[in-house]
Amino acid sequence: MYRVLVVDDSALLRRLISTALDRDPEIEVVGTAHDGLDAIEAVDRLRPDVVTLDVEMPRLDGIGAAEEIHRRHPRLPIIMFSTLTERGATATLAALSKGASDYVAKPTGVSDPAQAMEKVRADLVPRVKALAGARRVVTTPRVAAPPSTPRPAGIVPRLLVIACSTGGPDALQHVLGGLPEDFGLPVLVAQHMPPVFTHQLAERLDRKCRLSVHEATDGEELVAGRVLIAPGDWHLRVQNRVGRMRAVLDQGPRENFCRPAADPLLGSAAATFGASTLCLVLTGMGQDGLIGARAVVEAGGTVLVQDEATSVVWGMPGAVASAGLAHEVLPLDQIPLRLVRLARPALSAARD
């Protein structure tokens, strides 16, 4: 049974969220709270497995509450409830940087209560189970399957593609923030996020990193040291146009229930760059990236994944590792240096 604390200053939303969760036989709502201060006390008293937390509340907002709850209970998953607005995106990303694990959108614009409840249930229940489940197994990490293909030797990467979802914004900041200004590869990122959120994420990363980071635009040329984030609701792919490597956007069908999805990006990178593709799969729920990682390996490229102990959810990286497609499984804090060494083989040999 997964025990959940629901926190929102709206009595209507507290009731809607609680009812949606209680309808699942594996979930129990053990309590509710109406603001951040009330939430902190309730967490200490009730010891839930997961907390859902509103962003904007009186007395203490969701950002402050997330930070304090994370300080007291660092392994407790926190899911933010946010509006799909620029202000909501900014606040949510701030909360994610303070210890929140994931977020879901409030059912704004849905007039039918039954539809609103179904939307909350569909968005929230899988996250509650994935995050609570990850928390329970973190002390006994699964062993990744050995790579079925050895890492190619003597091939210099020409492109880095990154796939991530739950826990991705914080992991991306750590990875990209650890890369030097003269990192010699273009970087393309597929992070599961809606419109507005991806724009705010790109702006936040651009401020925090030495590399230039922005949302990808259709047809722009890939440039070493520039990071392109797939815009919300658009797939990002790589294409060779008359000898120029360019980012291409499309609104094709959702893959793995996502748009942007990782598989289209990774698969197009493998088709275009072949063995010169360097792929990184970070924390995330589900298996998006598995098909794309296989394409990278089959093209002779290199695949790295984040390890289970440092992942918020080891779904995406775990699927790749378990399939024997990961050449290396690394803790988050070791990934930036490893990327630098793979991108600069001559410098790596000198350092080693």
Protein backbone atom coordinates (compact mmCIF):
# COMPACT_ATOMS: atom_id res chain seq x y z
CA MET A 1 0.00 0.00 0.00
CA TYR A 2 1.33 3.44 -0.99
CA ARG A 3 0.58 6.13 1.62
CA VAL A 4 0.03 9.65 0.25
CA LEU A 5 -0.30 13.08 1.87
CA VAL A 6 -2.28 15.58 -0.24
CA VAL A 7 -1.42 19.28 0.22
CA ASP A 8 -3.43 22.08 -1.42
CA ASP A 9 -5.00 25.31 -0.21
CA SER A 10 -8.13 24.55 -2.24
CA ALA A 11 -10.61 22.28 -0.44
CA LEU A 12 -12.07 21.34 -3.83
CA LEU A 13 -8.70 20.18 -5.19
CA ARG A 14 -7.83 18.37 -1.96
CA ARG A 15 -11.06 16.42 -2.29
CA LEU A 16 -10.61 15.78 -6.02
CA ILE A 17 -7.01 14.55 -5.64
CA SER A 18 -7.83 12.43 -2.61
CA THR A 19 -10.80 10.78 -4.32
CA ALA A 20 -8.81 10.09 -7.49
CA LEU A 21 -6.02 8.42 -5.49
CA ASP A 22 -8.29 6.52 -3.09
CA ARG A 23 -9.98 4.79 -6.01
CA ASP A 24 -6.79 2.87 -6.65
CA PRO A 25 -6.66 -0.20 -4.35
CA GLU A 26 -2.90 0.15 -3.88
CA ILE A 27 -3.01 3.77 -2.68
CA GLU A 28 -4.20 5.21 0.62
CA VAL A 29 -4.54 8.95 1.31
CA VAL A 30 -3.37 9.14 4.92
CA GLY A 31 -4.02 12.85 5.37
CA THR A 32 -4.42 16.31 3.85
CA ALA A 33 -2.90 19.71 4.56
CA HIS A 34 -3.91 23.22 3.48
CA ASP A 35 -0.55 25.04 3.33
CA GLY A 36 3.20 24.51 3.49
CA LEU A 37 3.58 24.80 7.25
CA ASP A 38 0.71 22.38 7.82
CA ALA A 39 2.36 20.02 5.31
CA ILE A 40 5.70 19.95 7.13
CA GLU A 41 3.98 19.05 10.42
CA ALA A 42 1.82 16.41 8.71
CA VAL A 43 4.82 14.75 7.04
CA ASP A 44 6.62 14.46 10.38
CA ARG A 45 3.50 13.02 12.00
CA LEU A 46 2.10 10.73 9.28
CA ARG A 47 5.31 9.53 7.56
CA PRO A 48 3.76 9.16 4.08
CA ASP A 49 5.44 7.43 1.13
CA VAL A 50 4.66 10.33 -1.25
CA VAL A 51 3.53 13.96 -0.89
CA THR A 52 1.53 15.89 -3.50
CA LEU A 53 2.21 19.59 -3.05
CA ASP A 54 0.49 22.67 -4.47
CA VAL A 55 2.83 25.36 -5.79
CA GLU A 56 1.03 28.48 -4.58
CA MET A 57 -0.24 28.44 -0.97
CA PRO A 58 -0.56 30.90 1.92
CA ARG A 59 1.89 31.16 4.83
CA LEU A 60 4.48 28.91 3.11
CA ASP A 61 4.36 28.14 -0.60
CA GLY A 62 5.22 24.88 -2.34
CA ILE A 63 8.82 25.89 -3.05
CA GLY A 64 9.57 26.59 0.59
CA ALA A 65 7.67 23.53 1.76
CA ALA A 66 9.46 21.26 -0.73
CA GLU A 67 12.83 22.56 0.41
CA GLU A 68 12.08 22.00 4.11
CA ILE A 69 10.45 18.59 3.62
CA HIS A 70 13.41 17.49 1.49
CA ARG A 71 15.84 18.72 4.15
CA ARG A 72 14.07 16.68 6.85
CA HIS A 73 13.22 13.65 4.70
CA PRO A 74 15.64 13.60 1.73
CA ARG A 75 14.33 10.34 0.28
CA LEU A 76 10.63 11.28 0.43
CA PRO A 77 9.18 11.79 -3.09
CA ILE A 78 7.37 15.09 -3.63
CA ILE A 79 5.05 15.65 -6.61
CA MET A 80 4.20 19.28 -7.38
CA PHE A 81 0.77 20.34 -8.67
CA SER A 82 1.21 23.20 -11.12
CA THR A 83 -0.63 25.30 -13.66
CA LEU A 84 0.57 25.21 -17.28
CA THR A 85 1.56 28.87 -17.24
CA GLU A 86 4.86 30.71 -17.37
CA ARG A 87 4.55 31.56 -13.68
CA GLY A 88 3.60 27.98 -12.82
CA ALA A 89 6.50 26.59 -14.84
CA THR A 90 9.01 28.91 -13.17
CA ALA A 91 7.78 27.99 -9.70
CA THR A 92 7.69 24.28 -10.48
CA LEU A 93 11.26 24.25 -11.81
CA ALA A 94 12.35 26.10 -8.69
CA ALA A 95 10.64 23.47 -6.53
CA LEU A 96 12.29 20.67 -8.52
CA SER A 97 15.66 22.27 -7.82
CA LYS A 98 14.79 22.36 -4.09
CA GLY A 99 14.04 18.66 -3.75
CA ALA A 100 10.72 17.94 -5.48
CA SER A 101 10.77 14.78 -7.59
CA ASP A 102 8.19 15.42 -10.31
CA TYR A 103 5.10 17.44 -11.18
CA VAL A 104 1.65 17.10 -12.72
CA ALA A 105 -0.56 19.76 -14.27
CA LYS A 106 -3.72 20.90 -12.55
CA PRO A 107 -6.88 20.01 -14.49
CA THR A 108 -7.55 23.61 -15.51
CA GLY A 109 -9.97 24.17 -18.38
CA VAL A 110 -11.80 20.88 -17.67
CA SER A 111 -15.39 21.70 -16.75
CA ASP A 112 -16.64 18.15 -16.18
CA PRO A 113 -15.69 16.95 -12.67
CA ALA A 114 -15.50 13.32 -13.83
CA GLN A 115 -13.06 14.24 -16.61
CA ALA A 116 -10.98 16.34 -14.21
CA MET A 117 -10.75 13.44 -11.77
CA GLU A 118 -9.81 11.01 -14.55
CA LYS A 119 -7.04 13.37 -15.73
CA VAL A 120 -5.65 13.64 -12.21
CA ARG A 121 -5.84 9.88 -11.76
CA ALA A 122 -4.11 9.15 -15.09
CA ASP A 123 -1.31 11.65 -14.42
CA LEU A 124 -0.80 11.07 -10.72
CA VAL A 125 -1.28 7.37 -9.96
CA PRO A 126 1.63 6.09 -12.13
CA ARG A 127 3.95 8.71 -10.63
CA VAL A 128 2.97 7.84 -7.06
CA LYS A 129 3.67 4.15 -7.66
CA ALA A 130 6.91 4.71 -9.58
CA LEU A 131 8.37 7.18 -7.09
CA ALA A 132 7.30 5.26 -3.99
CA GLY A 133 8.51 2.02 -5.54
CA ALA A 134 11.90 3.54 -6.37
CA ARG A 135 12.22 4.75 -2.79
CA ARG A 136 11.64 1.24 -1.44
CA VAL A 137 14.27 -0.51 -3.61
CA VAL A 138 17.02 2.10 -3.57
CA THR A 139 18.97 0.21 -0.89
CA THR A 140 19.10 -2.93 -3.06
CA PRO A 141 19.91 -1.71 -6.58
CA ARG A 142 19.40 -4.11 -9.46
CA VAL A 143 22.43 -5.30 -11.35
CA ALA A 144 22.58 -4.17 -14.96
CA ALA A 145 23.04 -6.74 -17.68
CA PRO A 146 26.53 -6.77 -19.19
CA PRO A 147 26.76 -4.83 -22.45
CA SER A 148 26.03 -7.00 -25.46
CA THR A 149 28.33 -4.86 -27.60
CA PRO A 150 31.74 -3.52 -26.47
CA ARG A 151 32.23 0.24 -26.51
CA PRO A 152 33.69 1.23 -29.88
CA ALA A 153 37.38 2.14 -29.78
CA GLY A 154 39.06 4.91 -31.72
CA ILE A 155 35.86 6.67 -32.78
CA VAL A 156 35.53 10.34 -31.82
CA PRO A 157 31.92 11.32 -30.98
CA ARG A 158 30.42 14.19 -32.99
CA LEU A 159 27.05 14.51 -31.20
CA LEU A 160 25.73 14.04 -27.67
CA VAL A 161 22.03 13.17 -27.29
CA ILE A 162 20.40 13.06 -23.85
CA ALA A 163 17.11 11.43 -22.83
CA CYS A 164 15.41 12.08 -19.48
CA SER A 165 12.08 12.41 -17.72
CA THR A 166 11.22 12.21 -14.00
CA GLY A 167 14.06 13.87 -12.09
CA GLY A 168 15.52 15.09 -15.38
CA PRO A 169 15.67 18.86 -14.81
CA ASP A 170 17.92 18.51 -11.77
CA ALA A 171 20.03 15.79 -13.41
CA LEU A 172 20.38 17.90 -16.56
CA GLN A 173 21.57 20.88 -14.53
CA HIS A 174 24.19 18.69 -12.86
CA VAL A 175 25.42 17.15 -16.12
CA LEU A 176 25.35 20.23 -18.33
CA GLY A 177 26.65 22.41 -15.50
CA GLY A 178 29.68 20.14 -15.26
CA LEU A 179 30.65 20.52 -18.92
CA PRO A 180 33.27 23.12 -19.87
CA GLU A 181 32.60 26.08 -22.14
CA ASP A 182 34.74 24.50 -24.87
CA PHE A 183 32.91 21.14 -24.81
CA GLY A 184 33.36 20.10 -28.41
CA LEU A 185 30.00 18.51 -29.28
CA PRO A 186 26.52 19.75 -30.12
CA VAL A 187 24.06 18.54 -27.45
CA LEU A 188 20.40 17.67 -28.05
CA VAL A 189 18.00 16.90 -25.20
CA ALA A 190 14.61 15.18 -25.08
CA GLN A 191 13.06 15.91 -21.66
CA HIS A 192 9.43 14.93 -21.14
CA MET A 193 7.79 18.32 -20.52
CA PRO A 194 4.86 20.35 -21.86
CA PRO A 195 5.12 23.68 -23.72
CA VAL A 196 6.14 26.69 -21.61
CA PHE A 197 7.95 24.35 -19.21
CA THR A 198 10.63 23.46 -21.78
CA HIS A 199 11.19 27.14 -22.54
CA GLN A 200 11.60 27.92 -18.85
CA LEU A 201 13.88 24.89 -18.42
CA ALA A 202 16.12 26.05 -21.28
CA GLU A 203 16.35 29.56 -19.83
CA ARG A 204 17.14 28.21 -16.37
CA LEU A 205 19.87 25.89 -17.70
CA ASP A 206 21.32 28.68 -19.82
CA ARG A 207 21.76 30.78 -16.68
CA LYS A 208 23.27 27.91 -14.69
CA CYS A 209 25.63 26.40 -17.30
CA ARG A 210 28.69 27.54 -19.21
CA LEU A 211 27.24 26.14 -22.43
CA SER A 212 24.61 28.02 -24.44
CA VAL A 213 21.18 26.42 -23.88
CA HIS A 214 17.90 27.20 -25.66
CA GLU A 215 14.83 25.54 -27.12
CA ALA A 216 15.44 24.03 -30.55
CA THR A 217 13.96 25.72 -33.61
CA ASP A 218 13.15 23.88 -36.79
CA GLY A 219 16.02 23.78 -39.26
CA GLU A 220 18.73 25.34 -37.11
CA GLU A 221 22.24 24.06 -37.60
CA LEU A 222 23.93 22.01 -34.89
CA VAL A 223 26.86 23.85 -33.30
CA ALA A 224 29.50 22.48 -30.94
CA GLY A 225 28.95 23.67 -27.39
CA ARG A 226 25.31 24.60 -27.97
CA VAL A 227 22.53 22.69 -26.19
CA LEU A 228 19.12 22.36 -27.86
CA ILE A 229 16.11 21.35 -25.76
CA ALA A 230 13.18 19.71 -27.55
CA PRO A 231 10.17 22.07 -27.25
CA GLY A 232 7.10 20.77 -25.44
CA ASP A 233 4.64 19.01 -27.78
CA TRP A 234 7.28 18.61 -30.54
CA HIS A 235 9.55 15.71 -31.41
CA LEU A 236 13.18 16.69 -32.01
CA ARG A 237 15.18 14.82 -34.64
CA VAL A 238 18.52 15.21 -36.44
CA GLN A 239 18.74 15.47 -40.19
CA ASN A 240 21.50 15.94 -42.75
CA ARG A 241 20.40 18.68 -45.15
CA VAL A 242 22.85 19.18 -48.01
CA GLY A 243 25.82 18.38 -45.80
CA ARG A 244 24.60 20.47 -42.86
CA MET A 245 23.47 18.75 -39.66
CA ARG A 246 20.25 20.39 -38.50
CA ALA A 247 17.59 20.06 -35.81
CA VAL A 248 14.16 19.15 -37.19
CA LEU A 249 10.88 19.49 -35.30
CA ASP A 250 7.64 17.66 -36.01
CA GLN A 251 4.35 16.86 -34.31
CA GLY A 252 4.14 13.24 -35.36
CA PRO A 253 2.27 10.73 -33.18
CA ARG A 254 3.24 10.50 -29.53
CA GLU A 255 5.75 7.76 -28.81
CA ASN A 256 5.72 6.07 -25.41
CA PHE A 257 2.78 8.43 -24.68
CA CYS A 258 5.18 11.39 -25.00
CA ARG A 259 5.91 14.31 -27.31
CA PRO A 260 8.77 15.11 -27.19
CA ALA A 261 9.96 11.53 -26.87
CA ALA A 262 13.49 10.19 -26.65
CA ASP A 263 13.26 7.40 -29.20
CA PRO A 264 12.79 9.68 -32.25
CA LEU A 265 15.79 11.79 -31.22
CA LEU A 266 18.09 8.87 -30.46
CA GLY A 267 17.03 6.94 -33.54
CA SER A 268 17.57 9.89 -35.89
CA ALA A 269 20.96 10.60 -34.30
CA ALA A 270 22.03 7.00 -34.88
CA ALA A 271 20.83 7.13 -38.50
CA THR A 272 22.61 10.43 -39.17
CA PHE A 273 25.80 10.25 -37.08
CA GLY A 274 26.21 6.47 -36.83
CA ALA A 275 29.16 5.36 -34.71
CA SER A 276 29.92 9.01 -33.85
CA THR A 277 26.77 9.20 -31.68
CA LEU A 278 27.24 9.53 -27.92
CA CYS A 279 24.00 8.81 -26.04
CA LEU A 280 23.16 9.45 -22.39
CA VAL A 281 19.99 8.19 -20.70
CA LEU A 282 19.24 9.87 -17.39
CA THR A 283 16.61 9.31 -14.71
CA GLY A 284 13.04 8.86 -15.91
CA MET A 285 9.85 6.84 -15.64
CA GLY A 286 8.95 4.29 -18.31
CA GLN A 287 11.02 2.85 -21.17
CA ASP A 288 11.31 5.75 -23.62
CA GLY A 289 14.82 5.67 -25.04
CA LEU A 290 15.14 1.88 -25.14
CA ILE A 291 14.45 1.58 -28.89
CA GLY A 292 16.61 4.61 -29.62
CA ALA A 293 19.50 3.31 -27.51
CA ARG A 294 19.36 0.02 -29.39
CA ALA A 295 19.61 1.94 -32.67
CA VAL A 296 22.67 3.80 -31.36
CA VAL A 297 24.39 0.56 -30.34
CA GLU A 298 23.55 -1.11 -33.66
CA ALA A 299 25.05 1.90 -35.47
CA GLY A 300 28.27 1.49 -33.48
CA GLY A 301 27.69 4.43 -31.13
CA THR A 302 28.24 4.68 -27.38
CA VAL A 303 25.52 4.55 -24.70
CA LEU A 304 25.91 5.70 -21.09
CA VAL A 305 23.17 5.53 -18.45
CA GLN A 306 22.72 6.95 -14.97
CA ASP A 307 22.87 4.37 -12.18
CA GLU A 308 19.91 3.39 -10.01
CA ALA A 309 21.24 4.81 -6.74
CA THR A 310 21.37 8.39 -8.08
CA SER A 311 18.23 8.20 -10.27
CA VAL A 312 14.91 9.51 -9.02
CA VAL A 313 13.32 6.67 -11.03
CA TRP A 314 15.42 4.00 -12.75
CA GLY A 315 12.83 3.30 -15.44
CA MET A 316 14.41 4.72 -18.60
CA PRO A 317 18.08 4.09 -17.73
CA GLY A 318 17.21 0.76 -16.12
CA ALA A 319 15.43 -0.47 -19.24
CA VAL A 320 18.49 0.32 -21.36
CA ALA A 321 20.91 -1.23 -18.89
CA SER A 322 18.79 -4.35 -18.35
CA ALA A 323 18.67 -4.90 -22.12
CA GLY A 324 22.47 -5.01 -22.26
CA LEU A 325 22.70 -1.78 -24.25
CA ALA A 326 24.64 0.36 -21.76
CA HIS A 327 28.39 0.50 -22.27
CA GLU A 328 28.71 2.21 -18.88
CA VAL A 329 26.39 2.69 -15.87
CA LEU A 330 27.56 5.69 -13.88
CA PRO A 331 26.58 7.72 -10.80
CA LEU A 332 25.35 11.19 -11.69
CA ASP A 333 28.40 12.98 -10.29
CA GLN A 334 30.76 10.96 -12.53
CA ILE A 335 28.91 11.59 -15.79
CA PRO A 336 30.19 15.10 -16.73
CA LEU A 337 33.87 14.13 -16.55
CA ARG A 338 33.20 10.92 -18.44
CA LEU A 339 31.48 12.85 -21.22
CA VAL A 340 34.41 15.25 -21.45
CA ARG A 341 36.89 12.39 -21.70
CA LEU A 342 34.87 10.60 -24.36
CA ALA A 343 34.55 13.82 -26.35
CA ARG A 344 38.29 14.49 -26.08
CA PRO A 345 40.07 11.14 -26.49
CA ALA A 346 43.51 12.70 -26.99
CA LEU A 347 43.17 14.77 -23.83
CA SER A 348 41.86 11.72 -21.96
CA ALA A 349 44.95 9.71 -22.88
CA ALA A 350 47.19 12.52 -21.67
CA ARG A 351 45.36 12.74 -18.34
CA ASP A 352 45.31 8.99 -17.81
